N, C-alpha and C. Protein backbone atom coordinates (compact mmCIF):
# COMPACT_ATOMS: atom_id res chain seq x y z
N UNK A 1 -73.16 32.89 -56.79
CA UNK A 1 -72.45 31.73 -56.23
C UNK A 1 -71.07 31.62 -56.86
N UNK A 2 -70.09 31.40 -56.02
CA UNK A 2 -68.72 31.27 -56.51
C UNK A 2 -68.56 29.98 -57.30
N UNK A 3 -67.82 30.04 -58.40
CA UNK A 3 -67.62 28.85 -59.24
C UNK A 3 -66.87 27.77 -58.49
N UNK A 4 -65.81 28.15 -57.79
CA UNK A 4 -64.99 27.17 -57.09
C UNK A 4 -64.11 27.87 -56.07
N UNK A 5 -63.87 27.19 -54.95
CA UNK A 5 -62.95 27.69 -53.93
C UNK A 5 -62.01 26.56 -53.57
N UNK A 6 -60.98 26.88 -52.81
CA UNK A 6 -60.03 25.85 -52.39
C UNK A 6 -59.65 26.08 -50.94
N UNK A 7 -59.45 24.98 -50.25
CA UNK A 7 -58.98 25.03 -48.86
C UNK A 7 -57.63 24.32 -48.80
N UNK A 8 -56.61 25.03 -48.33
CA UNK A 8 -55.28 24.45 -48.19
C UNK A 8 -54.79 24.68 -46.77
N UNK A 9 -54.06 23.68 -46.25
CA UNK A 9 -53.59 23.78 -44.88
C UNK A 9 -52.28 23.03 -44.70
N UNK A 10 -51.39 23.61 -43.91
CA UNK A 10 -50.21 22.91 -43.40
C UNK A 10 -50.21 23.07 -41.89
N UNK A 11 -49.43 22.24 -41.22
CA UNK A 11 -49.51 22.21 -39.75
C UNK A 11 -48.64 23.23 -39.05
N UNK A 12 -47.59 23.71 -39.71
CA UNK A 12 -46.68 24.64 -39.04
C UNK A 12 -46.33 25.81 -39.95
N UNK A 13 -45.88 26.90 -39.34
CA UNK A 13 -45.55 28.11 -40.09
C UNK A 13 -44.35 27.91 -41.00
N UNK A 14 -43.52 26.92 -40.69
CA UNK A 14 -42.33 26.69 -41.51
C UNK A 14 -42.66 25.98 -42.82
N UNK A 15 -43.83 25.37 -42.91
CA UNK A 15 -44.21 24.64 -44.11
C UNK A 15 -44.80 25.56 -45.16
N UNK A 16 -44.77 25.10 -46.40
CA UNK A 16 -45.18 25.92 -47.54
C UNK A 16 -46.47 25.36 -48.15
N UNK A 17 -47.36 26.26 -48.55
CA UNK A 17 -48.62 25.87 -49.17
C UNK A 17 -48.53 25.76 -50.68
N UNK A 18 -47.39 26.10 -51.23
CA UNK A 18 -47.25 26.21 -52.68
C UNK A 18 -47.56 24.93 -53.44
N UNK A 19 -47.07 23.79 -52.96
CA UNK A 19 -47.28 22.53 -53.66
C UNK A 19 -48.76 22.18 -53.73
N UNK A 20 -49.48 22.36 -52.63
CA UNK A 20 -50.91 22.08 -52.62
C UNK A 20 -51.66 22.99 -53.60
N UNK A 21 -51.31 24.27 -53.59
CA UNK A 21 -52.00 25.23 -54.45
C UNK A 21 -51.78 24.93 -55.92
N UNK A 22 -50.53 24.57 -56.26
CA UNK A 22 -50.23 24.26 -57.65
C UNK A 22 -51.02 23.04 -58.13
N UNK A 23 -51.08 22.00 -57.30
CA UNK A 23 -51.82 20.79 -57.67
C UNK A 23 -53.30 21.08 -57.83
N UNK A 24 -53.85 21.90 -56.95
CA UNK A 24 -55.27 22.25 -57.03
C UNK A 24 -55.56 23.09 -58.27
N UNK A 25 -54.69 24.04 -58.57
CA UNK A 25 -54.88 24.88 -59.75
C UNK A 25 -54.92 24.02 -61.02
N UNK A 26 -54.03 23.04 -61.10
CA UNK A 26 -54.00 22.17 -62.27
C UNK A 26 -55.27 21.32 -62.36
N UNK A 27 -55.70 20.78 -61.23
CA UNK A 27 -56.91 19.94 -61.23
C UNK A 27 -58.14 20.78 -61.57
N UNK A 28 -58.20 21.99 -61.03
CA UNK A 28 -59.34 22.86 -61.31
C UNK A 28 -59.38 23.25 -62.79
N UNK A 29 -58.21 23.57 -63.34
CA UNK A 29 -58.15 23.94 -64.76
C UNK A 29 -58.60 22.78 -65.65
N UNK A 30 -58.24 21.55 -65.26
CA UNK A 30 -58.65 20.38 -66.04
C UNK A 30 -60.16 20.21 -66.05
N UNK A 31 -60.82 20.71 -65.01
CA UNK A 31 -62.28 20.65 -64.93
C UNK A 31 -62.94 21.91 -65.49
N UNK A 32 -62.13 22.84 -65.93
CA UNK A 32 -62.67 24.09 -66.44
C UNK A 32 -63.01 25.09 -65.36
N UNK A 33 -62.46 24.89 -64.16
CA UNK A 33 -62.71 25.79 -63.04
C UNK A 33 -61.55 26.76 -62.84
N UNK A 34 -61.87 27.89 -62.25
CA UNK A 34 -60.87 28.84 -61.79
C UNK A 34 -61.13 29.08 -60.31
N UNK A 35 -60.12 28.91 -59.49
CA UNK A 35 -60.28 29.10 -58.06
C UNK A 35 -60.46 30.59 -57.77
N UNK A 36 -61.63 30.95 -57.27
CA UNK A 36 -61.92 32.35 -57.02
C UNK A 36 -61.54 32.78 -55.60
N UNK A 37 -61.58 31.84 -54.65
CA UNK A 37 -61.24 32.17 -53.26
C UNK A 37 -60.36 31.07 -52.70
N UNK A 38 -59.27 31.48 -52.04
CA UNK A 38 -58.38 30.53 -51.37
C UNK A 38 -58.56 30.69 -49.86
N UNK A 39 -58.92 29.60 -49.22
CA UNK A 39 -58.95 29.55 -47.75
C UNK A 39 -57.67 28.83 -47.35
N UNK A 40 -56.74 29.55 -46.76
CA UNK A 40 -55.43 28.96 -46.48
C UNK A 40 -54.97 29.30 -45.07
N UNK A 41 -54.47 28.29 -44.39
CA UNK A 41 -54.00 28.53 -43.04
C UNK A 41 -52.91 27.54 -42.65
N UNK A 42 -52.17 27.96 -41.63
CA UNK A 42 -51.10 27.13 -41.08
C UNK A 42 -51.50 26.81 -39.64
N UNK A 43 -52.12 25.64 -39.49
CA UNK A 43 -52.67 25.24 -38.20
C UNK A 43 -52.82 23.74 -38.16
N UNK A 44 -52.83 23.19 -36.97
CA UNK A 44 -53.00 21.74 -36.81
C UNK A 44 -54.41 21.32 -37.22
N UNK A 45 -54.50 20.12 -37.77
CA UNK A 45 -55.80 19.57 -38.15
C UNK A 45 -56.46 18.78 -37.04
N UNK A 46 -55.92 18.86 -35.82
CA UNK A 46 -56.48 18.06 -34.73
C UNK A 46 -57.77 18.65 -34.19
N UNK A 47 -58.11 19.86 -34.60
CA UNK A 47 -59.36 20.49 -34.18
C UNK A 47 -60.01 21.16 -35.37
N UNK A 48 -61.34 21.27 -35.33
CA UNK A 48 -62.06 21.95 -36.38
C UNK A 48 -62.14 23.46 -36.13
N UNK A 49 -61.71 23.90 -34.95
CA UNK A 49 -61.77 25.31 -34.61
C UNK A 49 -60.59 26.05 -35.22
N UNK A 50 -60.71 26.34 -36.52
CA UNK A 50 -59.68 27.07 -37.25
C UNK A 50 -60.33 28.23 -38.00
N UNK A 51 -59.74 29.42 -37.97
CA UNK A 51 -60.39 30.60 -38.56
C UNK A 51 -60.80 30.42 -40.01
N UNK A 52 -59.90 29.92 -40.86
CA UNK A 52 -60.23 29.79 -42.28
C UNK A 52 -61.23 28.67 -42.52
N UNK A 53 -61.15 27.60 -41.74
CA UNK A 53 -62.14 26.53 -41.85
C UNK A 53 -63.54 27.06 -41.50
N UNK A 54 -63.63 27.84 -40.45
CA UNK A 54 -64.92 28.40 -40.05
C UNK A 54 -65.43 29.39 -41.09
N UNK A 55 -64.53 30.15 -41.69
CA UNK A 55 -64.95 31.09 -42.75
C UNK A 55 -65.47 30.34 -43.96
N UNK A 56 -64.81 29.24 -44.31
CA UNK A 56 -65.27 28.40 -45.42
C UNK A 56 -66.66 27.85 -45.12
N UNK A 57 -66.84 27.31 -43.93
CA UNK A 57 -68.13 26.71 -43.58
C UNK A 57 -69.24 27.76 -43.56
N UNK A 58 -68.93 28.96 -43.14
CA UNK A 58 -69.92 30.03 -43.16
C UNK A 58 -70.33 30.36 -44.59
N UNK A 59 -69.37 30.42 -45.50
CA UNK A 59 -69.68 30.71 -46.90
C UNK A 59 -70.50 29.58 -47.52
N UNK A 60 -70.21 28.34 -47.12
CA UNK A 60 -70.99 27.19 -47.62
C UNK A 60 -72.44 27.31 -47.19
N UNK A 61 -72.68 27.60 -45.92
CA UNK A 61 -74.04 27.71 -45.40
C UNK A 61 -74.78 28.87 -46.05
N UNK A 62 -74.06 29.93 -46.39
CA UNK A 62 -74.68 31.11 -47.02
C UNK A 62 -74.92 30.90 -48.51
N UNK A 63 -74.54 29.75 -49.05
CA UNK A 63 -74.77 29.46 -50.45
C UNK A 63 -73.81 30.13 -51.41
N UNK A 64 -72.62 30.48 -50.91
CA UNK A 64 -71.65 31.20 -51.74
C UNK A 64 -70.66 30.28 -52.43
N UNK A 65 -70.77 28.97 -52.19
CA UNK A 65 -69.78 28.02 -52.70
C UNK A 65 -70.49 26.90 -53.46
N UNK A 66 -69.93 26.54 -54.62
CA UNK A 66 -70.47 25.42 -55.39
C UNK A 66 -69.56 24.21 -55.35
N UNK A 67 -68.24 24.45 -55.34
CA UNK A 67 -67.28 23.35 -55.35
C UNK A 67 -66.08 23.72 -54.49
N UNK A 68 -65.63 22.77 -53.65
CA UNK A 68 -64.46 22.97 -52.79
C UNK A 68 -63.37 22.00 -53.20
N UNK A 69 -62.20 22.53 -53.50
CA UNK A 69 -61.03 21.72 -53.81
C UNK A 69 -60.12 21.62 -52.59
N UNK A 70 -59.64 20.41 -52.32
CA UNK A 70 -58.60 20.21 -51.32
C UNK A 70 -57.52 19.32 -51.93
N UNK A 71 -56.32 19.44 -51.40
CA UNK A 71 -55.24 18.60 -51.90
C UNK A 71 -55.45 17.15 -51.49
N UNK A 72 -55.76 16.95 -50.22
CA UNK A 72 -56.13 15.64 -49.69
C UNK A 72 -57.21 15.83 -48.63
N UNK A 73 -57.94 14.78 -48.37
CA UNK A 73 -59.02 14.87 -47.39
C UNK A 73 -58.51 15.26 -46.01
N UNK A 74 -57.30 14.82 -45.65
CA UNK A 74 -56.78 15.12 -44.32
C UNK A 74 -56.40 16.58 -44.14
N UNK A 75 -56.46 17.38 -45.23
CA UNK A 75 -56.26 18.81 -45.07
C UNK A 75 -57.46 19.45 -44.37
N UNK A 76 -58.65 18.85 -44.53
CA UNK A 76 -59.83 19.36 -43.87
C UNK A 76 -59.77 19.11 -42.37
N UNK A 77 -59.43 17.88 -41.99
CA UNK A 77 -59.33 17.54 -40.58
C UNK A 77 -58.55 16.25 -40.41
N UNK A 78 -57.88 16.16 -39.25
CA UNK A 78 -57.19 14.92 -38.87
C UNK A 78 -57.65 14.48 -37.48
N UNK A 79 -58.86 14.89 -37.12
CA UNK A 79 -59.36 14.61 -35.78
C UNK A 79 -60.28 13.40 -35.70
N UNK A 80 -60.42 12.67 -36.81
CA UNK A 80 -61.17 11.43 -36.73
C UNK A 80 -62.34 11.33 -37.69
N UNK A 81 -62.98 10.16 -37.65
CA UNK A 81 -64.06 9.84 -38.59
C UNK A 81 -65.25 10.77 -38.41
N UNK A 82 -65.63 11.05 -37.17
CA UNK A 82 -66.84 11.84 -36.92
C UNK A 82 -66.72 13.24 -37.52
N UNK A 83 -65.59 13.92 -37.28
CA UNK A 83 -65.42 15.27 -37.84
C UNK A 83 -65.35 15.25 -39.36
N UNK A 84 -64.73 14.20 -39.91
CA UNK A 84 -64.64 14.09 -41.36
C UNK A 84 -66.03 13.95 -41.98
N UNK A 85 -66.85 13.05 -41.42
CA UNK A 85 -68.21 12.90 -41.92
C UNK A 85 -69.02 14.18 -41.75
N UNK A 86 -68.78 14.88 -40.64
CA UNK A 86 -69.54 16.10 -40.37
C UNK A 86 -69.31 17.15 -41.45
N UNK A 87 -68.04 17.40 -41.78
CA UNK A 87 -67.76 18.43 -42.77
C UNK A 87 -68.19 18.00 -44.17
N UNK A 88 -68.00 16.72 -44.51
CA UNK A 88 -68.41 16.23 -45.83
C UNK A 88 -69.92 16.29 -45.98
N UNK A 89 -70.65 15.85 -44.95
CA UNK A 89 -72.12 15.90 -45.01
C UNK A 89 -72.63 17.33 -45.06
N UNK A 90 -71.95 18.24 -44.36
CA UNK A 90 -72.35 19.65 -44.40
C UNK A 90 -72.21 20.21 -45.80
N UNK A 91 -71.11 19.87 -46.47
CA UNK A 91 -70.93 20.32 -47.84
C UNK A 91 -72.01 19.75 -48.76
N UNK A 92 -72.25 18.46 -48.64
CA UNK A 92 -73.23 17.81 -49.50
C UNK A 92 -74.63 18.34 -49.25
N UNK A 93 -74.97 18.57 -47.99
CA UNK A 93 -76.30 19.09 -47.63
C UNK A 93 -76.55 20.45 -48.26
N UNK A 94 -75.49 21.24 -48.44
CA UNK A 94 -75.63 22.57 -49.03
C UNK A 94 -75.35 22.58 -50.52
N UNK A 95 -75.34 21.39 -51.12
CA UNK A 95 -75.17 21.31 -52.56
C UNK A 95 -73.78 21.61 -53.06
N UNK A 96 -72.78 21.40 -52.20
CA UNK A 96 -71.40 21.71 -52.56
C UNK A 96 -70.65 20.41 -52.86
N UNK A 97 -69.95 20.38 -53.98
CA UNK A 97 -69.15 19.22 -54.35
C UNK A 97 -67.75 19.36 -53.76
N UNK A 98 -67.27 18.29 -53.16
CA UNK A 98 -65.92 18.26 -52.61
C UNK A 98 -65.01 17.48 -53.55
N UNK A 99 -63.91 18.11 -53.95
CA UNK A 99 -62.96 17.47 -54.86
C UNK A 99 -61.62 17.32 -54.14
N UNK A 100 -61.20 16.08 -53.93
CA UNK A 100 -59.90 15.80 -53.34
C UNK A 100 -58.93 15.47 -54.47
N UNK A 101 -57.93 16.31 -54.63
CA UNK A 101 -57.04 16.23 -55.80
C UNK A 101 -56.13 15.01 -55.75
N UNK A 102 -55.61 14.69 -54.57
CA UNK A 102 -54.54 13.70 -54.50
C UNK A 102 -54.96 12.35 -53.91
N UNK A 103 -56.20 12.22 -53.48
CA UNK A 103 -56.64 10.95 -52.91
C UNK A 103 -57.02 9.92 -53.98
N UNK A 104 -57.42 10.40 -55.14
CA UNK A 104 -57.65 9.49 -56.26
C UNK A 104 -58.91 8.66 -56.19
N UNK A 105 -59.98 9.20 -55.61
CA UNK A 105 -61.25 8.48 -55.61
C UNK A 105 -62.39 9.48 -55.67
N UNK A 106 -63.56 8.99 -56.05
CA UNK A 106 -64.75 9.83 -56.20
C UNK A 106 -65.50 9.88 -54.86
N UNK A 107 -65.65 11.07 -54.32
CA UNK A 107 -66.32 11.23 -53.03
C UNK A 107 -67.83 11.10 -53.14
N UNK A 108 -68.34 10.97 -54.35
CA UNK A 108 -69.79 10.82 -54.53
C UNK A 108 -70.17 9.39 -54.93
N UNK A 109 -69.19 8.51 -55.05
CA UNK A 109 -69.46 7.14 -55.49
C UNK A 109 -70.12 6.30 -54.42
N UNK A 110 -70.58 5.08 -54.77
CA UNK A 110 -71.29 4.21 -53.82
C UNK A 110 -70.44 3.77 -52.64
N UNK A 111 -69.13 3.71 -52.81
CA UNK A 111 -68.25 3.26 -51.73
C UNK A 111 -67.61 4.44 -50.99
N UNK A 112 -68.12 5.64 -51.22
CA UNK A 112 -67.49 6.84 -50.67
C UNK A 112 -67.44 6.82 -49.14
N UNK A 113 -68.53 6.40 -48.49
CA UNK A 113 -68.56 6.44 -47.03
C UNK A 113 -67.51 5.51 -46.42
N UNK A 114 -67.34 4.33 -47.02
CA UNK A 114 -66.34 3.40 -46.52
C UNK A 114 -64.94 3.98 -46.69
N UNK A 115 -64.68 4.54 -47.86
CA UNK A 115 -63.36 5.12 -48.14
C UNK A 115 -63.09 6.30 -47.21
N UNK A 116 -64.12 7.14 -47.00
CA UNK A 116 -63.97 8.28 -46.11
C UNK A 116 -63.61 7.83 -44.69
N UNK A 117 -64.29 6.79 -44.22
CA UNK A 117 -64.04 6.30 -42.87
C UNK A 117 -62.61 5.78 -42.73
N UNK A 118 -62.16 5.03 -43.72
CA UNK A 118 -60.81 4.48 -43.69
C UNK A 118 -59.77 5.59 -43.71
N UNK A 119 -59.94 6.57 -44.60
CA UNK A 119 -58.97 7.66 -44.72
C UNK A 119 -58.96 8.52 -43.46
N UNK A 120 -60.14 8.78 -42.90
CA UNK A 120 -60.21 9.61 -41.70
C UNK A 120 -59.52 8.91 -40.53
N UNK A 121 -59.77 7.63 -40.39
CA UNK A 121 -59.13 6.88 -39.30
C UNK A 121 -57.61 6.84 -39.49
N UNK A 122 -57.17 6.67 -40.73
CA UNK A 122 -55.73 6.63 -41.01
C UNK A 122 -55.08 7.98 -40.72
N UNK A 123 -55.76 9.07 -41.07
CA UNK A 123 -55.22 10.41 -40.83
C UNK A 123 -55.07 10.68 -39.34
N UNK A 124 -56.08 10.27 -38.56
CA UNK A 124 -55.99 10.47 -37.11
C UNK A 124 -54.87 9.63 -36.51
N UNK A 125 -54.75 8.38 -36.97
CA UNK A 125 -53.69 7.51 -36.47
C UNK A 125 -52.31 8.09 -36.79
N UNK A 126 -52.16 8.64 -37.99
CA UNK A 126 -50.88 9.24 -38.38
C UNK A 126 -50.54 10.42 -37.48
N UNK A 127 -51.56 11.24 -37.16
CA UNK A 127 -51.32 12.38 -36.27
C UNK A 127 -50.88 11.92 -34.89
N UNK A 128 -51.51 10.86 -34.37
CA UNK A 128 -51.14 10.35 -33.06
C UNK A 128 -49.71 9.80 -33.05
N UNK A 129 -49.34 9.11 -34.15
CA UNK A 129 -47.98 8.57 -34.25
C UNK A 129 -46.97 9.69 -34.28
N UNK A 130 -47.27 10.77 -35.04
CA UNK A 130 -46.36 11.92 -35.10
C UNK A 130 -46.20 12.55 -33.72
N UNK A 131 -47.31 12.69 -32.99
CA UNK A 131 -47.24 13.26 -31.64
C UNK A 131 -46.39 12.39 -30.72
N UNK A 132 -46.52 11.08 -30.85
CA UNK A 132 -45.72 10.17 -30.02
C UNK A 132 -44.24 10.29 -30.34
N UNK A 133 -43.91 10.44 -31.62
CA UNK A 133 -42.51 10.59 -32.01
C UNK A 133 -41.93 11.90 -31.48
N UNK A 134 -42.72 12.97 -31.54
CA UNK A 134 -42.26 14.26 -31.03
C UNK A 134 -42.01 14.18 -29.53
N UNK A 135 -42.96 13.55 -28.80
CA UNK A 135 -42.81 13.42 -27.36
C UNK A 135 -41.58 12.59 -27.00
N UNK A 136 -41.34 11.51 -27.76
CA UNK A 136 -40.16 10.66 -27.50
C UNK A 136 -38.87 11.42 -27.78
N UNK A 137 -38.86 12.21 -28.87
CA UNK A 137 -37.67 13.00 -29.21
C UNK A 137 -37.39 14.05 -28.14
N UNK A 138 -38.45 14.68 -27.66
CA UNK A 138 -38.26 15.69 -26.61
C UNK A 138 -37.71 15.06 -25.34
N UNK A 139 -38.27 13.91 -24.96
CA UNK A 139 -37.80 13.24 -23.74
C UNK A 139 -36.33 12.86 -23.87
N UNK A 140 -35.93 12.41 -25.07
CA UNK A 140 -34.53 12.02 -25.28
C UNK A 140 -33.60 13.23 -25.19
N UNK A 141 -33.99 14.33 -25.81
CA UNK A 141 -33.17 15.55 -25.79
C UNK A 141 -33.02 16.07 -24.36
N UNK A 142 -34.12 16.12 -23.62
CA UNK A 142 -34.07 16.64 -22.26
C UNK A 142 -33.30 15.69 -21.33
N UNK A 143 -33.39 14.37 -21.59
CA UNK A 143 -32.64 13.41 -20.78
C UNK A 143 -31.14 13.58 -20.97
N UNK A 144 -30.75 14.07 -22.15
CA UNK A 144 -29.33 14.30 -22.45
C UNK A 144 -28.87 15.66 -21.94
N UNK A 145 -29.78 16.39 -21.26
CA UNK A 145 -29.42 17.68 -20.69
C UNK A 145 -29.44 18.83 -21.69
N UNK A 146 -30.02 18.59 -22.85
CA UNK A 146 -30.10 19.65 -23.86
C UNK A 146 -31.47 20.31 -23.83
N UNK A 147 -31.54 21.50 -24.42
CA UNK A 147 -32.79 22.27 -24.43
C UNK A 147 -33.62 21.87 -25.63
N UNK A 148 -34.92 21.63 -25.39
CA UNK A 148 -35.85 21.30 -26.47
C UNK A 148 -36.34 22.58 -27.15
N UNK A 149 -36.48 22.53 -28.45
CA UNK A 149 -37.03 23.65 -29.19
C UNK A 149 -35.96 24.53 -29.80
N UNK A 150 -36.42 25.65 -30.34
CA UNK A 150 -35.53 26.58 -31.03
C UNK A 150 -34.53 27.19 -30.04
N UNK A 151 -33.25 27.21 -30.38
CA UNK A 151 -32.26 27.78 -29.45
C UNK A 151 -32.46 29.28 -29.29
N UNK A 152 -32.07 29.79 -28.14
CA UNK A 152 -32.19 31.22 -27.88
C UNK A 152 -31.26 32.01 -28.79
N UNK A 153 -31.74 33.22 -29.15
CA UNK A 153 -30.92 34.08 -29.99
C UNK A 153 -29.77 34.71 -29.20
N UNK A 154 -29.93 34.80 -27.87
CA UNK A 154 -28.93 35.46 -27.04
C UNK A 154 -28.10 34.45 -26.26
N UNK A 155 -26.78 34.68 -26.23
CA UNK A 155 -25.96 33.88 -25.32
C UNK A 155 -25.98 34.55 -23.95
N UNK A 156 -25.34 33.93 -22.98
CA UNK A 156 -25.40 34.44 -21.60
C UNK A 156 -24.82 35.85 -21.49
N UNK A 157 -23.73 36.11 -22.20
CA UNK A 157 -23.08 37.42 -22.12
C UNK A 157 -23.99 38.51 -22.67
N UNK A 158 -24.62 38.23 -23.84
CA UNK A 158 -25.50 39.22 -24.45
C UNK A 158 -26.73 39.46 -23.58
N UNK A 159 -27.21 38.40 -22.96
CA UNK A 159 -28.38 38.55 -22.09
C UNK A 159 -28.05 39.42 -20.89
N UNK A 160 -26.85 39.26 -20.35
CA UNK A 160 -26.44 40.11 -19.23
C UNK A 160 -26.38 41.59 -19.66
N UNK A 161 -25.94 41.82 -20.91
CA UNK A 161 -25.90 43.19 -21.42
C UNK A 161 -27.31 43.77 -21.50
N UNK A 162 -28.23 42.96 -21.98
CA UNK A 162 -29.63 43.40 -22.08
C UNK A 162 -30.14 43.77 -20.69
N UNK A 163 -29.89 42.90 -19.71
CA UNK A 163 -30.36 43.14 -18.35
C UNK A 163 -29.77 44.44 -17.79
N UNK A 164 -28.47 44.66 -18.03
CA UNK A 164 -27.82 45.85 -17.51
C UNK A 164 -28.41 47.11 -18.12
N UNK A 165 -28.59 47.12 -19.44
CA UNK A 165 -29.16 48.29 -20.11
C UNK A 165 -30.60 48.53 -19.67
N UNK A 166 -31.32 47.45 -19.44
CA UNK A 166 -32.70 47.59 -18.97
C UNK A 166 -32.73 48.24 -17.59
N UNK A 167 -31.79 47.86 -16.72
CA UNK A 167 -31.72 48.44 -15.38
C UNK A 167 -31.37 49.92 -15.45
N UNK A 168 -30.72 50.33 -16.56
CA UNK A 168 -30.39 51.74 -16.76
C UNK A 168 -31.53 52.52 -17.39
N UNK A 169 -32.71 51.85 -17.44
CA UNK A 169 -33.94 52.48 -17.98
C UNK A 169 -33.85 52.77 -19.48
N UNK A 170 -33.05 51.98 -20.17
CA UNK A 170 -33.03 52.10 -21.63
C UNK A 170 -34.24 51.39 -22.19
N UNK A 171 -34.82 51.93 -23.25
CA UNK A 171 -36.01 51.32 -23.86
C UNK A 171 -35.61 50.07 -24.64
N UNK A 172 -36.58 49.24 -24.94
CA UNK A 172 -36.32 48.02 -25.71
C UNK A 172 -35.73 48.38 -27.07
N UNK A 173 -36.26 49.44 -27.68
CA UNK A 173 -35.75 49.86 -28.99
C UNK A 173 -34.28 50.30 -28.88
N UNK A 174 -33.97 51.06 -27.83
CA UNK A 174 -32.59 51.53 -27.65
C UNK A 174 -31.64 50.36 -27.41
N UNK A 175 -32.09 49.39 -26.63
CA UNK A 175 -31.24 48.22 -26.36
C UNK A 175 -31.01 47.44 -27.66
N UNK A 176 -32.07 47.28 -28.45
CA UNK A 176 -31.96 46.53 -29.70
C UNK A 176 -30.97 47.20 -30.65
N UNK A 177 -31.04 48.52 -30.74
CA UNK A 177 -30.12 49.26 -31.62
C UNK A 177 -28.70 49.16 -31.10
N UNK A 178 -28.53 49.29 -29.79
CA UNK A 178 -27.18 49.28 -29.21
C UNK A 178 -26.51 47.92 -29.39
N UNK A 179 -27.27 46.84 -29.25
CA UNK A 179 -26.68 45.50 -29.32
C UNK A 179 -26.86 44.85 -30.69
N UNK A 180 -27.59 45.55 -31.59
CA UNK A 180 -27.82 45.06 -32.95
C UNK A 180 -28.51 43.68 -32.96
N UNK A 181 -29.58 43.60 -32.19
CA UNK A 181 -30.39 42.38 -32.15
C UNK A 181 -31.86 42.78 -32.29
N UNK A 182 -32.72 41.87 -32.73
CA UNK A 182 -34.14 42.22 -32.94
C UNK A 182 -34.83 42.67 -31.66
N UNK A 183 -35.77 43.59 -31.82
CA UNK A 183 -36.50 44.09 -30.66
C UNK A 183 -37.28 42.97 -29.97
N UNK A 184 -37.83 42.03 -30.76
CA UNK A 184 -38.59 40.93 -30.16
C UNK A 184 -37.72 40.09 -29.25
N UNK A 185 -36.44 39.90 -29.66
CA UNK A 185 -35.51 39.13 -28.83
C UNK A 185 -35.22 39.86 -27.52
N UNK A 186 -35.05 41.17 -27.61
CA UNK A 186 -34.83 41.97 -26.41
C UNK A 186 -36.05 41.91 -25.50
N UNK A 187 -37.23 42.02 -26.09
CA UNK A 187 -38.46 42.01 -25.30
C UNK A 187 -38.61 40.70 -24.54
N UNK A 188 -38.27 39.59 -25.19
CA UNK A 188 -38.37 38.29 -24.51
C UNK A 188 -37.37 38.20 -23.36
N UNK A 189 -36.16 38.71 -23.58
CA UNK A 189 -35.14 38.68 -22.53
C UNK A 189 -35.57 39.53 -21.34
N UNK A 190 -36.15 40.69 -21.61
CA UNK A 190 -36.61 41.56 -20.54
C UNK A 190 -37.76 40.90 -19.78
N UNK A 191 -38.63 40.23 -20.50
CA UNK A 191 -39.75 39.54 -19.86
C UNK A 191 -39.25 38.44 -18.94
N UNK A 192 -38.19 37.72 -19.37
CA UNK A 192 -37.61 36.69 -18.51
C UNK A 192 -37.01 37.31 -17.25
N UNK A 193 -36.37 38.46 -17.43
CA UNK A 193 -35.78 39.15 -16.28
C UNK A 193 -36.86 39.53 -15.27
N UNK A 194 -37.94 40.12 -15.74
CA UNK A 194 -39.01 40.54 -14.84
C UNK A 194 -39.64 39.34 -14.15
N UNK A 195 -39.81 38.21 -14.89
CA UNK A 195 -40.42 37.02 -14.30
C UNK A 195 -39.52 36.42 -13.22
N UNK A 196 -38.20 36.60 -13.38
CA UNK A 196 -37.25 36.01 -12.42
C UNK A 196 -37.08 36.85 -11.16
N UNK A 197 -37.50 38.12 -11.23
CA UNK A 197 -37.34 39.01 -10.08
C UNK A 197 -38.33 38.64 -8.98
N UNK A 198 -37.90 38.62 -7.72
CA UNK A 198 -38.83 38.31 -6.62
C UNK A 198 -39.89 39.39 -6.50
N UNK A 199 -41.13 38.95 -6.25
CA UNK A 199 -42.23 39.90 -6.12
C UNK A 199 -42.18 40.57 -4.75
N UNK A 200 -42.51 41.85 -4.75
CA UNK A 200 -42.51 42.59 -3.49
C UNK A 200 -43.66 42.13 -2.62
N UNK A 201 -43.42 42.05 -1.34
CA UNK A 201 -44.48 41.64 -0.42
C UNK A 201 -45.60 42.65 -0.40
N UNK A 202 -46.83 42.16 -0.38
CA UNK A 202 -47.99 43.07 -0.40
C UNK A 202 -48.13 43.79 0.94
């Protein structure tokens, strides 16, 4: 049985897991634990269907885990009270202790269920508020005639060059080298070109 494992999660690829890992390492060391396995992923907490979460749960059921460290309870899930209770009860049923480093309360105490319910509800509400803010920001940007999301790497002139070279049967690699732009950018431009072309009648 593993002495201790840790689960860390952020919602987007641009975010860093370092702060969570450092806090967990310090808390584990204070308890005399060494984290033997890190389950780490960059995915939304709105669903429990996450590869590393499922791998952790499989190891728990197989009896390979004794203690799970998380930075905060909402790293496990932000999908509501029911999912939070489900994962916590699953850990407890398999004899696994859950340690939340930054929440500052004992998950095994007499008031644990009430605290869990409050935190789970708050985490879900926070996720909904964030989604509403993103939707409002997108609507505002699009209403102003601007493009939502990451700007394209190619301007109109460069895109026309890509299209012309593609029509000359140049490969994506050759186009990328000739224009000194990433192959992935060329591939996306070519895909847009093909999607915009009228389909031949059957």
